[in-house]
């Protein structure tokens, strides 16, 4: 699985690393103080150009806002790997408990910049 690379990074000290990705679109999620703007990135590669995720949602933040992204723009940023619970933990209308799993993503993006060239994607070691 692609995100296994993120798991390995998390297990090996979780150092801040450089990533590259392609911007897809903006979105929103519910936060503690209201709606939070999010950003969908696709084809995320690490600094060795290995594909680490097909897509990732991040909180947008001021640095992504500043570079005026349009669909298809390529970006570079530094981030840490995070582990999170995904799925629905509550109960549905029939009283059935939801299903959750753990997954790996990226968090705390910094040093965000727009790339003006393509980047390679390696899928295997």
PDB file of N, CA and C in Angstrom:
ATOM      1  N   UNK A   1       0.834  -1.189   0.000  1.00  0.00           N
ATOM      2  CA  UNK A   1       0.000   0.000   0.000  1.00  0.00           C
ATOM      3  C   UNK A   1       0.880   1.253   0.000  1.00  0.00           C
ATOM      4  N   UNK A   2       0.461   2.275  -0.709  1.00  0.00           N
ATOM      5  CA  UNK A   2       1.267   3.472  -0.872  1.00  0.00           C
ATOM      6  C   UNK A   2       1.564   4.143   0.470  1.00  0.00           C
ATOM      7  N   UNK A   3       0.582   4.284   1.326  1.00  0.00           N
ATOM      8  CA  UNK A   3       0.794   5.013   2.583  1.00  0.00           C
ATOM      9  C   UNK A   3       1.688   4.269   3.567  1.00  0.00           C
ATOM     10  N   UNK A   4       2.118   3.061   3.224  1.00  0.00           N
ATOM     11  CA  UNK A   4       3.090   2.344   4.044  1.00  0.00           C
ATOM     12  C   UNK A   4       4.388   3.140   4.150  1.00  0.00           C
ATOM     13  N   UNK A   5       4.722   3.882   3.110  1.00  0.00           N
ATOM     14  CA  UNK A   5       5.917   4.737   3.173  1.00  0.00           C
ATOM     15  C   UNK A   5       5.758   5.795   4.263  1.00  0.00           C
ATOM     16  N   UNK A   6       4.554   6.347   4.397  1.00  0.00           N
ATOM     17  CA  UNK A   6       4.312   7.327   5.463  1.00  0.00           C
ATOM     18  C   UNK A   6       4.408   6.658   6.827  1.00  0.00           C
ATOM     19  N   UNK A   7       3.899   5.441   6.948  1.00  0.00           N
ATOM     20  CA  UNK A   7       3.985   4.710   8.218  1.00  0.00           C
ATOM     21  C   UNK A   7       5.444   4.512   8.612  1.00  0.00           C
ATOM     22  N   UNK A   8       6.291   4.125   7.656  1.00  0.00           N
ATOM     23  CA  UNK A   8       7.714   3.928   7.939  1.00  0.00           C
ATOM     24  C   UNK A   8       8.372   5.223   8.410  1.00  0.00           C
ATOM     25  N   UNK A   9       8.018   6.333   7.763  1.00  0.00           N
ATOM     26  CA  UNK A   9       8.571   7.626   8.178  1.00  0.00           C
ATOM     27  C   UNK A   9       8.115   7.963   9.597  1.00  0.00           C
ATOM     28  N   UNK A  10       6.857   7.679   9.903  1.00  0.00           N
ATOM     29  CA  UNK A  10       6.315   7.937  11.242  1.00  0.00           C
ATOM     30  C   UNK A  10       7.039   7.080  12.282  1.00  0.00           C
ATOM     31  N   UNK A  11       7.239   5.813  11.963  1.00  0.00           N
ATOM     32  CA  UNK A  11       7.893   4.881  12.889  1.00  0.00           C
ATOM     33  C   UNK A  11       9.382   5.167  13.070  1.00  0.00           C
ATOM     34  N   UNK A  12      10.006   5.828  12.095  1.00  0.00           N
ATOM     35  CA  UNK A  12      11.447   6.089  12.143  1.00  0.00           C
ATOM     36  C   UNK A  12      11.780   7.503  12.608  1.00  0.00           C
ATOM     37  N   UNK A  13      11.029   8.029  13.554  1.00  0.00           N
ATOM     38  CA  UNK A  13      11.371   9.319  14.140  1.00  0.00           C
ATOM     39  C   UNK A  13      10.571  10.493  13.648  1.00  0.00           C
ATOM     40  N   UNK A  14       9.844  10.335  12.560  1.00  0.00           N
ATOM     41  CA  UNK A  14       8.934  11.362  12.075  1.00  0.00           C
ATOM     42  C   UNK A  14       9.589  12.738  11.942  1.00  0.00           C
ATOM     43  N   UNK A  15      10.681  12.798  11.219  1.00  0.00           N
ATOM     44  CA  UNK A  15      11.355  14.074  10.975  1.00  0.00           C
ATOM     45  C   UNK A  15      10.602  14.868   9.910  1.00  0.00           C
ATOM     46  N   UNK A  16      10.712  16.183  10.004  1.00  0.00           N
ATOM     47  CA  UNK A  16      10.130  17.056   8.976  1.00  0.00           C
ATOM     48  C   UNK A  16      10.877  16.811   7.668  1.00  0.00           C
ATOM     49  N   UNK A  17      10.126  16.598   6.577  1.00  0.00           N
ATOM     50  CA  UNK A  17      10.719  16.332   5.265  1.00  0.00           C
ATOM     51  C   UNK A  17      10.058  17.171   4.197  1.00  0.00           C
ATOM     52  N   UNK A  18      10.719  17.216   3.031  1.00  0.00           N
ATOM     53  CA  UNK A  18      10.197  17.952   1.893  1.00  0.00           C
ATOM     54  C   UNK A  18       9.316  17.030   1.051  1.00  0.00           C
ATOM     55  N   UNK A  19       8.190  17.558   0.601  1.00  0.00           N
ATOM     56  CA  UNK A  19       7.259  16.815  -0.260  1.00  0.00           C
ATOM     57  C   UNK A  19       6.880  17.681  -1.450  1.00  0.00           C
ATOM     58  N   UNK A  20       6.472  17.023  -2.520  1.00  0.00           N
ATOM     59  CA  UNK A  20       5.947  17.703  -3.702  1.00  0.00           C
ATOM     60  C   UNK A  20       4.596  17.087  -4.012  1.00  0.00           C
ATOM     61  N   UNK A  21       3.698  17.895  -4.560  1.00  0.00           N
ATOM     62  CA  UNK A  21       2.346  17.415  -4.859  1.00  0.00           C
ATOM     63  C   UNK A  21       1.715  18.297  -5.930  1.00  0.00           C
ATOM     64  N   UNK A  22       0.574  17.847  -6.422  1.00  0.00           N
ATOM     65  CA  UNK A  22      -0.213  18.612  -7.390  1.00  0.00           C
ATOM     66  C   UNK A  22      -1.501  19.064  -6.714  1.00  0.00           C
ATOM     67  N   UNK A  23      -1.810  20.361  -6.856  1.00  0.00           N
ATOM     68  CA  UNK A  23      -3.025  20.909  -6.261  1.00  0.00           C
ATOM     69  C   UNK A  23      -4.243  20.479  -7.070  1.00  0.00           C
ATOM     70  N   UNK A  24      -5.290  19.994  -6.356  1.00  0.00           N
ATOM     71  CA  UNK A  24      -6.534  19.588  -7.018  1.00  0.00           C
ATOM     72  C   UNK A  24      -7.646  20.607  -6.760  1.00  0.00           C
ATOM     73  N   UNK A  25      -7.950  20.865  -5.465  1.00  0.00           N
ATOM     74  CA  UNK A  25      -9.028  21.823  -5.166  1.00  0.00           C
ATOM     75  C   UNK A  25      -9.037  22.186  -3.689  1.00  0.00           C
ATOM     76  N   UNK A  26      -9.817  23.211  -3.374  1.00  0.00           N
ATOM     77  CA  UNK A  26     -10.049  23.609  -1.998  1.00  0.00           C
ATOM     78  C   UNK A  26     -11.333  22.964  -1.500  1.00  0.00           C
ATOM     79  N   UNK A  27     -11.481  22.854  -0.202  1.00  0.00           N
ATOM     80  CA  UNK A  27     -12.695  22.327   0.415  1.00  0.00           C
ATOM     81  C   UNK A  27     -12.854  22.929   1.793  1.00  0.00           C
ATOM     82  N   UNK A  28     -13.768  22.373   2.583  1.00  0.00           N
ATOM     83  CA  UNK A  28     -13.964  22.814   3.962  1.00  0.00           C
ATOM     84  C   UNK A  28     -14.266  21.602   4.833  1.00  0.00           C
ATOM     85  N   UNK A  29     -14.016  21.767   6.129  1.00  0.00           N
ATOM     86  CA  UNK A  29     -14.399  20.764   7.120  1.00  0.00           C
ATOM     87  C   UNK A  29     -14.902  21.507   8.341  1.00  0.00           C
ATOM     88  N   UNK A  30     -15.653  20.824   9.179  1.00  0.00           N
ATOM     89  CA  UNK A  30     -16.134  21.422  10.416  1.00  0.00           C
ATOM     90  C   UNK A  30     -15.020  21.399  11.442  1.00  0.00           C
ATOM     91  N   UNK A  31     -14.797  22.529  12.064  1.00  0.00           N
ATOM     92  CA  UNK A  31     -13.785  22.637  13.113  1.00  0.00           C
ATOM     93  C   UNK A  31     -14.426  23.091  14.405  1.00  0.00           C
ATOM     94  N   UNK A  32     -13.635  23.163  15.446  1.00  0.00           N
ATOM     95  CA  UNK A  32     -14.118  23.561  16.768  1.00  0.00           C
ATOM     96  C   UNK A  32     -14.730  24.961  16.750  1.00  0.00           C
ATOM     97  N   UNK A  33     -14.126  25.866  15.966  1.00  0.00           N
ATOM     98  CA  UNK A  33     -14.601  27.254  15.908  1.00  0.00           C
ATOM     99  C   UNK A  33     -15.301  27.565  14.587  1.00  0.00           C
ATOM    100  N   UNK A  34     -15.852  26.567  13.924  1.00  0.00           N
ATOM    101  CA  UNK A  34     -16.554  26.790  12.666  1.00  0.00           C
ATOM    102  C   UNK A  34     -15.863  26.084  11.510  1.00  0.00           C
ATOM    103  N   UNK A  35     -16.177  26.529  10.300  1.00  0.00           N
ATOM    104  CA  UNK A  35     -15.628  25.900   9.097  1.00  0.00           C
ATOM    105  C   UNK A  35     -14.143  26.199   8.954  1.00  0.00           C
ATOM    106  N   UNK A  36     -13.396  25.192   8.517  1.00  0.00           N
ATOM    107  CA  UNK A  36     -11.958  25.314   8.279  1.00  0.00           C
ATOM    108  C   UNK A  36     -11.713  25.042   6.797  1.00  0.00           C
ATOM    109  N   UNK A  37     -10.974  25.924   6.140  1.00  0.00           N
ATOM    110  CA  UNK A  37     -10.655  25.739   4.723  1.00  0.00           C
ATOM    111  C   UNK A  37      -9.583  24.657   4.597  1.00  0.00           C
ATOM    112  N   UNK A  38      -9.773  23.748   3.643  1.00  0.00           N
ATOM    113  CA  UNK A  38      -8.840  22.652   3.423  1.00  0.00           C
ATOM    114  C   UNK A  38      -8.343  22.671   1.980  1.00  0.00           C
ATOM    115  N   UNK A  39      -7.321  21.879   1.730  1.00  0.00           N
ATOM    116  CA  UNK A  39      -6.737  21.796   0.404  1.00  0.00           C
ATOM    117  C   UNK A  39      -6.526  20.315   0.065  1.00  0.00           C
ATOM    118  N   UNK A  40      -6.899  19.924  -1.145  1.00  0.00           N
ATOM    119  CA  UNK A  40      -6.698  18.556  -1.613  1.00  0.00           C
ATOM    120  C   UNK A  40      -5.481  18.531  -2.538  1.00  0.00           C
ATOM    121  N   UNK A  41      -4.488  17.727  -2.149  1.00  0.00           N
ATOM    122  CA  UNK A  41      -3.290  17.531  -2.962  1.00  0.00           C
ATOM    123  C   UNK A  41      -3.267  16.094  -3.465  1.00  0.00           C
ATOM    124  N   UNK A  42      -2.795  15.898  -4.686  1.00  0.00           N
ATOM    125  CA  UNK A  42      -2.715  14.558  -5.267  1.00  0.00           C
ATOM    126  C   UNK A  42      -1.273  14.252  -5.672  1.00  0.00           C
ATOM    127  N   UNK A  43      -0.983  12.980  -5.890  1.00  0.00           N
ATOM    128  CA  UNK A  43       0.337  12.524  -6.335  1.00  0.00           C
ATOM    129  C   UNK A  43       1.457  13.079  -5.459  1.00  0.00           C
ATOM    130  N   UNK A  44       1.392  12.795  -4.162  1.00  0.00           N
ATOM    131  CA  UNK A  44       2.367  13.326  -3.214  1.00  0.00           C
ATOM    132  C   UNK A  44       3.609  12.444  -3.233  1.00  0.00           C
ATOM    133  N   UNK A  45       4.778  13.071  -3.424  1.00  0.00           N
ATOM    134  CA  UNK A  45       6.050  12.355  -3.430  1.00  0.00           C
ATOM    135  C   UNK A  45       6.956  12.923  -2.344  1.00  0.00           C
ATOM    136  N   UNK A  46       7.841  12.057  -1.831  1.00  0.00           N
ATOM    137  CA  UNK A  46       8.804  12.513  -0.827  1.00  0.00           C
ATOM    138  C   UNK A  46      10.042  13.073  -1.526  1.00  0.00           C
ATOM    139  N   UNK A  47      11.068  13.408  -0.747  1.00  0.00           N
ATOM    140  CA  UNK A  47      12.244  14.055  -1.335  1.00  0.00           C
ATOM    141  C   UNK A  47      13.056  13.126  -2.237  1.00  0.00           C
ATOM    142  N   UNK A  48      12.785  11.810  -2.163  1.00  0.00           N
ATOM    143  CA  UNK A  48      13.435  10.861  -3.078  1.00  0.00           C
ATOM    144  C   UNK A  48      12.535  10.539  -4.276  1.00  0.00           C
ATOM    145  N   UNK A  49      11.429  11.247  -4.382  1.00  0.00           N
ATOM    146  CA  UNK A  49      10.458  11.137  -5.477  1.00  0.00           C
ATOM    147  C   UNK A  49       9.650   9.844  -5.461  1.00  0.00           C
ATOM    148  N   UNK A  50       9.573   9.178  -4.299  1.00  0.00           N
ATOM    149  CA  UNK A  50       8.706   8.011  -4.178  1.00  0.00           C
ATOM    150  C   UNK A  50       7.294   8.466  -3.833  1.00  0.00           C
ATOM    151  N   UNK A  51       6.305   7.878  -4.495  1.00  0.00           N
ATOM    152  CA  UNK A  51       4.911   8.189  -4.233  1.00  0.00           C
ATOM    153  C   UNK A  51       4.556   7.740  -2.815  1.00  0.00           C
ATOM    154  N   UNK A  52       4.108   8.679  -1.963  1.00  0.00           N
ATOM    155  CA  UNK A  52       3.752   8.330  -0.587  1.00  0.00           C
ATOM    156  C   UNK A  52       2.248   8.335  -0.362  1.00  0.00           C
ATOM    157  N   UNK A  53       1.494   9.002  -1.239  1.00  0.00           N
ATOM    158  CA  UNK A  53       0.030   9.010  -1.130  1.00  0.00           C
ATOM    159  C   UNK A  53      -0.571   9.453  -2.461  1.00  0.00           C
ATOM    160  N   UNK A  54      -1.695   8.860  -2.804  1.00  0.00           N
ATOM    161  CA  UNK A  54      -2.390   9.272  -4.028  1.00  0.00           C
ATOM    162  C   UNK A  54      -3.082  10.620  -3.826  1.00  0.00           C
ATOM    163  N   UNK A  55      -3.537  10.866  -2.582  1.00  0.00           N
ATOM    164  CA  UNK A  55      -4.154  12.157  -2.256  1.00  0.00           C
ATOM    165  C   UNK A  55      -4.046  12.399  -0.752  1.00  0.00           C
ATOM    166  N   UNK A  56      -4.085  13.666  -0.383  1.00  0.00           N
ATOM    167  CA  UNK A  56      -4.055  14.061   1.029  1.00  0.00           C
ATOM    168  C   UNK A  56      -4.822  15.368   1.179  1.00  0.00           C
ATOM    169  N   UNK A  57      -5.632  15.433   2.228  1.00  0.00           N
ATOM    170  CA  UNK A  57      -6.305  16.674   2.611  1.00  0.00           C
ATOM    171  C   UNK A  57      -5.497  17.317   3.729  1.00  0.00           C
ATOM    172  N   UNK A  58      -5.247  18.623   3.627  1.00  0.00           N
ATOM    173  CA  UNK A  58      -4.564  19.392   4.662  1.00  0.00           C
ATOM    174  C   UNK A  58      -5.390  20.630   4.990  1.00  0.00           C
ATOM    175  N   UNK A  59      -5.225  21.148   6.207  1.00  0.00           N
ATOM    176  CA  UNK A  59      -5.772  22.472   6.486  1.00  0.00           C
ATOM    177  C   UNK A  59      -5.003  23.457   5.614  1.00  0.00           C
ATOM    178  N   UNK A  60      -5.711  24.394   5.011  1.00  0.00           N
ATOM    179  CA  UNK A  60      -5.116  25.264   4.003  1.00  0.00           C
ATOM    180  C   UNK A  60      -4.013  26.160   4.575  1.00  0.00           C
ATOM    181  N   UNK A  61      -4.296  26.948   5.555  1.00  0.00           N
ATOM    182  CA  UNK A  61      -3.279  27.822   6.126  1.00  0.00           C
ATOM    183  C   UNK A  61      -2.918  28.992   5.228  1.00  0.00           C
ATOM    184  N   UNK A  62      -2.260  29.967   5.811  1.00  0.00           N
ATOM    185  CA  UNK A  62      -1.917  31.203   5.098  1.00  0.00           C
ATOM    186  C   UNK A  62      -0.896  30.983   3.993  1.00  0.00           C
ATOM    187  N   UNK A  63       0.028  30.030   4.178  1.00  0.00           N
ATOM    188  CA  UNK A  63       1.068  29.842   3.166  1.00  0.00           C
ATOM    189  C   UNK A  63       0.505  29.326   1.847  1.00  0.00           C
ATOM    190  N   UNK A  64      -0.464  28.420   1.894  1.00  0.00           N
ATOM    191  CA  UNK A  64      -1.098  27.951   0.652  1.00  0.00           C
ATOM    192  C   UNK A  64      -1.951  29.066   0.048  1.00  0.00           C
ATOM    193  N   UNK A  65      -2.614  29.857   0.881  1.00  0.00           N
ATOM    194  CA  UNK A  65      -3.430  30.973   0.378  1.00  0.00           C
ATOM    195  C   UNK A  65      -2.585  31.989  -0.384  1.00  0.00           C
ATOM    196  N   UNK A  66      -1.379  32.243   0.084  1.00  0.00           N
ATOM    197  CA  UNK A  66      -0.525  33.288  -0.499  1.00  0.00           C
ATOM    198  C   UNK A  66      -0.081  32.995  -1.916  1.00  0.00           C
ATOM    199  N   UNK A  67      -0.028  31.722  -2.323  1.00  0.00           N
ATOM    200  CA  UNK A  67       0.541  31.415  -3.638  1.00  0.00           C
ATOM    201  C   UNK A  67      -0.506  31.277  -4.745  1.00  0.00           C
ATOM    202  N   UNK A  68      -1.772  31.603  -4.446  1.00  0.00           N
ATOM    203  CA  UNK A  68      -2.835  31.677  -5.470  1.00  0.00           C
ATOM    204  C   UNK A  68      -2.877  30.459  -6.386  1.00  0.00           C
ATOM    205  N   UNK A  69      -3.252  29.332  -5.827  1.00  0.00           N
ATOM    206  CA  UNK A  69      -3.249  28.072  -6.563  1.00  0.00           C
ATOM    207  C   UNK A  69      -4.449  27.920  -7.489  1.00  0.00           C
ATOM    208  N   UNK A  70      -4.197  27.296  -8.642  1.00  0.00           N
ATOM    209  CA  UNK A  70      -5.271  26.867  -9.537  1.00  0.00           C
ATOM    210  C   UNK A  70      -5.044  25.378  -9.806  1.00  0.00           C
ATOM    211  N   UNK A  71      -6.104  24.663 -10.169  1.00  0.00           N
ATOM    212  CA  UNK A  71      -6.012  23.217 -10.375  1.00  0.00           C
ATOM    213  C   UNK A  71      -4.867  22.873 -11.319  1.00  0.00           C
ATOM    214  N   UNK A  72      -4.059  21.894 -10.909  1.00  0.00           N
ATOM    215  CA  UNK A  72      -2.937  21.451 -11.715  1.00  0.00           C
ATOM    216  C   UNK A  72      -1.599  22.054 -11.312  1.00  0.00           C
ATOM    217  N   UNK A  73      -1.613  23.115 -10.499  1.00  0.00           N
ATOM    218  CA  UNK A  73      -0.359  23.696 -10.023  1.00  0.00           C
ATOM    219  C   UNK A  73       0.394  22.677  -9.180  1.00  0.00           C
ATOM    220  N   UNK A  74       1.709  22.691  -9.304  1.00  0.00           N
ATOM    221  CA  UNK A  74       2.552  21.818  -8.495  1.00  0.00           C
ATOM    222  C   UNK A  74       3.141  22.626  -7.352  1.00  0.00           C
ATOM    223  N   UNK A  75       3.199  22.011  -6.170  1.00  0.00           N
ATOM    224  CA  UNK A  75       3.691  22.698  -4.989  1.00  0.00           C
ATOM    225  C   UNK A  75       4.768  21.865  -4.296  1.00  0.00           C
ATOM    226  N   UNK A  76       5.568  22.564  -3.507  1.00  0.00           N
ATOM    227  CA  UNK A  76       6.581  21.924  -2.670  1.00  0.00           C
ATOM    228  C   UNK A  76       6.389  22.460  -1.257  1.00  0.00           C
ATOM    229  N   UNK A  77       6.556  21.608  -0.246  1.00  0.00           N
ATOM    230  CA  UNK A  77       6.393  22.029   1.136  1.00  0.00           C
ATOM    231  C   UNK A  77       7.094  21.045   2.055  1.00  0.00           C
ATOM    232  N   UNK A  78       7.309  21.455   3.282  1.00  0.00           N
ATOM    233  CA  UNK A  78       7.864  20.584   4.315  1.00  0.00           C
ATOM    234  C   UNK A  78       6.734  20.211   5.261  1.00  0.00           C
ATOM    235  N   UNK A  79       6.747  18.983   5.786  1.00  0.00           N
ATOM    236  CA  UNK A  79       5.677  18.549   6.696  1.00  0.00           C
ATOM    237  C   UNK A  79       6.156  17.358   7.520  1.00  0.00           C
ATOM    238  N   UNK A  80       5.377  17.048   8.539  1.00  0.00           N
ATOM    239  CA  UNK A  80       5.573  15.853   9.363  1.00  0.00           C
ATOM    240  C   UNK A  80       4.439  14.880   9.069  1.00  0.00           C
ATOM    241  N   UNK A  81       4.703  13.604   9.302  1.00  0.00           N
ATOM    242  CA  UNK A  81       3.672  12.582   9.145  1.00  0.00           C
ATOM    243  C   UNK A  81       2.823  12.563  10.413  1.00  0.00           C
ATOM    244  N   UNK A  82       1.534  12.367  10.248  1.00  0.00           N
ATOM    245  CA  UNK A  82       0.644  12.225  11.399  1.00  0.00           C
ATOM    246  C   UNK A  82      -0.165  10.952  11.249  1.00  0.00           C
ATOM    247  N   UNK A  83      -0.577  10.396  12.372  1.00  0.00           N
ATOM    248  CA  UNK A  83      -1.486   9.260  12.370  1.00  0.00           C
ATOM    249  C   UNK A  83      -2.840   9.804  12.799  1.00  0.00           C
ATOM    250  N   UNK A  84      -3.903   9.342  12.138  1.00  0.00           N
ATOM    251  CA  UNK A  84      -5.236   9.832  12.477  1.00  0.00           C
ATOM    252  C   UNK A  84      -6.266   8.723  12.299  1.00  0.00           C
ATOM    253  N   UNK A  85      -7.389   8.910  12.973  1.00  0.00           N
ATOM    254  CA  UNK A  85      -8.497   7.968  12.875  1.00  0.00           C
ATOM    255  C   UNK A  85      -9.455   8.466  11.809  1.00  0.00           C
ATOM    256  N   UNK A  86      -9.813   7.576  10.881  1.00  0.00           N
ATOM    257  CA  UNK A  86     -10.754   7.981   9.842  1.00  0.00           C
ATOM    258  C   UNK A  86     -11.964   7.060   9.868  1.00  0.00           C
ATOM    259  N   UNK A  87     -13.068   7.571   9.370  1.00  0.00           N
ATOM    260  CA  UNK A  87     -14.308   6.811   9.380  1.00  0.00           C
ATOM    261  C   UNK A  87     -15.323   7.488  10.284  1.00  0.00           C
ATOM    262  N   UNK A  88     -16.369   6.766  10.643  1.00  0.00           N
ATOM    263  CA  UNK A  88     -17.443   7.304  11.478  1.00  0.00           C
ATOM    264  C   UNK A  88     -17.512   6.504  12.765  1.00  0.00           C
ATOM    265  N   UNK A  89     -17.265   7.174  13.901  1.00  0.00           N
ATOM    266  CA  UNK A  89     -17.203   6.492  15.192  1.00  0.00           C
ATOM    267  C   UNK A  89     -18.548   6.427  15.909  1.00  0.00           C
ATOM    268  N   UNK A  90     -19.546   7.136  15.403  1.00  0.00           N
ATOM    269  CA  UNK A  90     -20.852   7.159  16.063  1.00  0.00           C
ATOM    270  C   UNK A  90     -21.741   6.006  15.627  1.00  0.00           C
ATOM    271  N   UNK A  91     -23.025   6.185  15.813  1.00  0.00           N
ATOM    272  CA  UNK A  91     -24.010   5.169  15.447  1.00  0.00           C
ATOM    273  C   UNK A  91     -24.901   5.703  14.337  1.00  0.00           C
ATOM    274  N   UNK A  92     -25.321   4.820  13.424  1.00  0.00           N
ATOM    275  CA  UNK A  92     -26.213   5.258  12.358  1.00  0.00           C
ATOM    276  C   UNK A  92     -27.673   5.208  12.829  1.00  0.00           C
ATOM    277  N   UNK A  93     -28.598   5.489  11.934  1.00  0.00           N
ATOM    278  CA  UNK A  93     -30.020   5.554  12.297  1.00  0.00           C
ATOM    279  C   UNK A  93     -30.599   4.209  12.714  1.00  0.00           C
ATOM    280  N   UNK A  94     -29.875   3.114  12.446  1.00  0.00           N
ATOM    281  CA  UNK A  94     -30.338   1.786  12.838  1.00  0.00           C
ATOM    282  C   UNK A  94     -29.663   1.291  14.111  1.00  0.00           C
ATOM    283  N   UNK A  95     -28.841   2.132  14.750  1.00  0.00           N
ATOM    284  CA  UNK A  95     -28.158   1.755  15.976  1.00  0.00           C
ATOM    285  C   UNK A  95     -26.880   0.975  15.764  1.00  0.00           C
ATOM    286  N   UNK A  96     -26.430   0.905  14.504  1.00  0.00           N
ATOM    287  CA  UNK A  96     -25.186   0.191  14.197  1.00  0.00           C
ATOM    288  C   UNK A  96     -23.989   1.105  14.415  1.00  0.00           C
ATOM    289  N   UNK A  97     -22.975   0.566  15.091  1.00  0.00           N
ATOM    290  CA  UNK A  97     -21.770   1.351  15.332  1.00  0.00           C
ATOM    291  C   UNK A  97     -20.985   1.520  14.036  1.00  0.00           C
ATOM    292  N   UNK A  98     -20.467   2.723  13.844  1.00  0.00           N
ATOM    293  CA  UNK A  98     -19.670   3.020  12.658  1.00  0.00           C
ATOM    294  C   UNK A  98     -18.330   2.301  12.672  1.00  0.00           C
ATOM    295  N   UNK A  99     -17.626   2.403  11.576  1.00  0.00           N
ATOM    296  CA  UNK A  99     -16.352   1.709  11.405  1.00  0.00           C
ATOM    297  C   UNK A  99     -15.241   2.748  11.278  1.00  0.00           C
ATOM    298  N   UNK A 100     -14.180   2.602  12.067  1.00  0.00           N
ATOM    299  CA  UNK A 100     -13.039   3.500  11.951  1.00  0.00           C
ATOM    300  C   UNK A 100     -11.756   2.691  11.783  1.00  0.00           C
ATOM    301  N   UNK A 101     -10.781   3.316  11.146  1.00  0.00           N
ATOM    302  CA  UNK A 101      -9.450   2.737  10.996  1.00  0.00           C
ATOM    303  C   UNK A 101      -8.431   3.858  11.207  1.00  0.00           C
ATOM    304  N   UNK A 102      -7.186   3.474  11.330  1.00  0.00           N
ATOM    305  CA  UNK A 102      -6.123   4.460  11.438  1.00  0.00           C
ATOM    306  C   UNK A 102      -5.405   4.566  10.107  1.00  0.00           C
ATOM    307  N   UNK A 103      -4.986   5.784   9.792  1.00  0.00           N
ATOM    308  CA  UNK A 103      -4.275   6.031   8.547  1.00  0.00           C
ATOM    309  C   UNK A 103      -3.180   7.063   8.815  1.00  0.00           C
ATOM    310  N   UNK A 104      -2.362   7.306   7.810  1.00  0.00           N
ATOM    311  CA  UNK A 104      -1.247   8.242   7.929  1.00  0.00           C
ATOM    312  C   UNK A 104      -1.434   9.364   6.923  1.00  0.00           C
ATOM    313  N   UNK A 105      -1.133  10.570   7.352  1.00  0.00           N
ATOM    314  CA  UNK A 105      -1.233  11.738   6.496  1.00  0.00           C
ATOM    315  C   UNK A 105      -0.079  12.679   6.800  1.00  0.00           C
ATOM    316  N   UNK A 106      -0.184  13.902   6.320  1.00  0.00           N
ATOM    317  CA  UNK A 106       0.834  14.918   6.572  1.00  0.00           C
ATOM    318  C   UNK A 106       0.222  16.062   7.352  1.00  0.00           C
ATOM    319  N   UNK A 107       1.040  16.733   8.173  1.00  0.00           N
ATOM    320  CA  UNK A 107       0.552  17.859   8.962  1.00  0.00           C
ATOM    321  C   UNK A 107       1.642  18.904   9.121  1.00  0.00           C
ATOM    322  N   UNK A 108       1.236  20.062   9.594  1.00  0.00           N
ATOM    323  CA  UNK A 108       2.121  21.203   9.838  1.00  0.00           C
ATOM    324  C   UNK A 108       2.946  21.580   8.599  1.00  0.00           C
ATOM    325  N   UNK A 109       2.281  21.848   7.472  1.00  0.00           N
ATOM    326  CA  UNK A 109       3.042  22.243   6.283  1.00  0.00           C
ATOM    327  C   UNK A 109       3.724  23.598   6.499  1.00  0.00           C
ATOM    328  N   UNK A 110       4.946  23.717   5.992  1.00  0.00           N
ATOM    329  CA  UNK A 110       5.687  24.975   6.054  1.00  0.00           C
ATOM    330  C   UNK A 110       6.531  25.097   4.791  1.00  0.00           C
ATOM    331  N   UNK A 111       7.152  26.244   4.609  1.00  0.00           N
ATOM    332  CA  UNK A 111       8.017  26.505   3.451  1.00  0.00           C
ATOM    333  C   UNK A 111       7.307  26.132   2.152  1.00  0.00           C
ATOM    334  N   UNK A 112       6.064  26.561   2.026  1.00  0.00           N
ATOM    335  CA  UNK A 112       5.230  26.241   0.862  1.00  0.00           C
ATOM    336  C   UNK A 112       5.630  27.119  -0.316  1.00  0.00           C
ATOM    337  N   UNK A 113       5.817  26.504  -1.473  1.00  0.00           N
ATOM    338  CA  UNK A 113       6.107  27.276  -2.684  1.00  0.00           C
ATOM    339  C   UNK A 113       5.511  26.574  -3.897  1.00  0.00           C
ATOM    340  N   UNK A 114       5.279  27.371  -4.931  1.00  0.00           N
ATOM    341  CA  UNK A 114       4.766  26.835  -6.185  1.00  0.00           C
ATOM    342  C   UNK A 114       5.948  26.395  -7.039  1.00  0.00           C
ATOM    343  N   UNK A 115       5.849  25.217  -7.647  1.00  0.00           N
ATOM    344  CA  UNK A 115       6.890  24.728  -8.551  1.00  0.00           C
ATOM    345  C   UNK A 115       6.540  25.134  -9.982  1.00  0.00           C
ATOM    346  N   UNK A 116       7.547  25.431 -10.763  1.00  0.00           N
ATOM    347  CA  UNK A 116       7.311  25.826 -12.149  1.00  0.00           C
ATOM    348  C   UNK A 116       7.822  24.773 -13.117  1.00  0.00           C
ATOM    349  N   UNK A 117       7.913  23.526 -12.629  1.00  0.00           N
ATOM    350  CA  UNK A 117       8.366  22.426 -13.465  1.00  0.00           C
ATOM    351  C   UNK A 117       7.691  21.140 -12.997  1.00  0.00           C
ATOM    352  N   UNK A 118       7.740  20.123 -13.842  1.00  0.00           N
ATOM    353  CA  UNK A 118       7.206  18.804 -13.501  1.00  0.00           C
ATOM    354  C   UNK A 118       8.082  18.146 -12.450  1.00  0.00           C
ATOM    355  N   UNK A 119       7.555  17.135 -11.772  1.00  0.00           N
ATOM    356  CA  UNK A 119       8.385  16.324 -10.881  1.00  0.00           C
ATOM    357  C   UNK A 119       8.158  14.854 -11.205  1.00  0.00           C
ATOM    358  N   UNK A 120       9.207  14.060 -10.998  1.00  0.00           N
ATOM    359  CA  UNK A 120       9.138  12.622 -11.280  1.00  0.00           C
ATOM    360  C   UNK A 120       8.423  11.894 -10.153  1.00  0.00           C
ATOM    361  N   UNK A 121       7.810  10.783 -10.492  1.00  0.00           N
ATOM    362  CA  UNK A 121       7.164   9.933  -9.492  1.00  0.00           C
ATOM    363  C   UNK A 121       7.713   8.518  -9.643  1.00  0.00           C
ATOM    364  N   UNK A 122       8.363   8.021  -8.585  1.00  0.00           N
ATOM    365  CA  UNK A 122       8.827   6.636  -8.543  1.00  0.00           C
ATOM    366  C   UNK A 122       7.825   5.829  -7.741  1.00  0.00           C
ATOM    367  N   UNK A 123       7.393   4.685  -8.254  1.00  0.00           N
ATOM    368  CA  UNK A 123       6.399   3.879  -7.555  1.00  0.00           C
ATOM    369  C   UNK A 123       7.004   2.678  -6.846  1.00  0.00           C
ATOM    370  N   UNK A 124       8.210   2.262  -7.220  1.00  0.00           N
ATOM    371  CA  UNK A 124       8.859   1.112  -6.615  1.00  0.00           C
ATOM    372  C   UNK A 124      10.253   1.496  -6.146  1.00  0.00           C
ATOM    373  N   UNK A 125      10.801   0.674  -5.221  1.00  0.00           N
ATOM    374  CA  UNK A 125      12.183   0.927  -4.754  1.00  0.00           C
ATOM    375  C   UNK A 125      13.191   0.686  -5.835  1.00  0.00           C
TER     376      UNK A 125
END
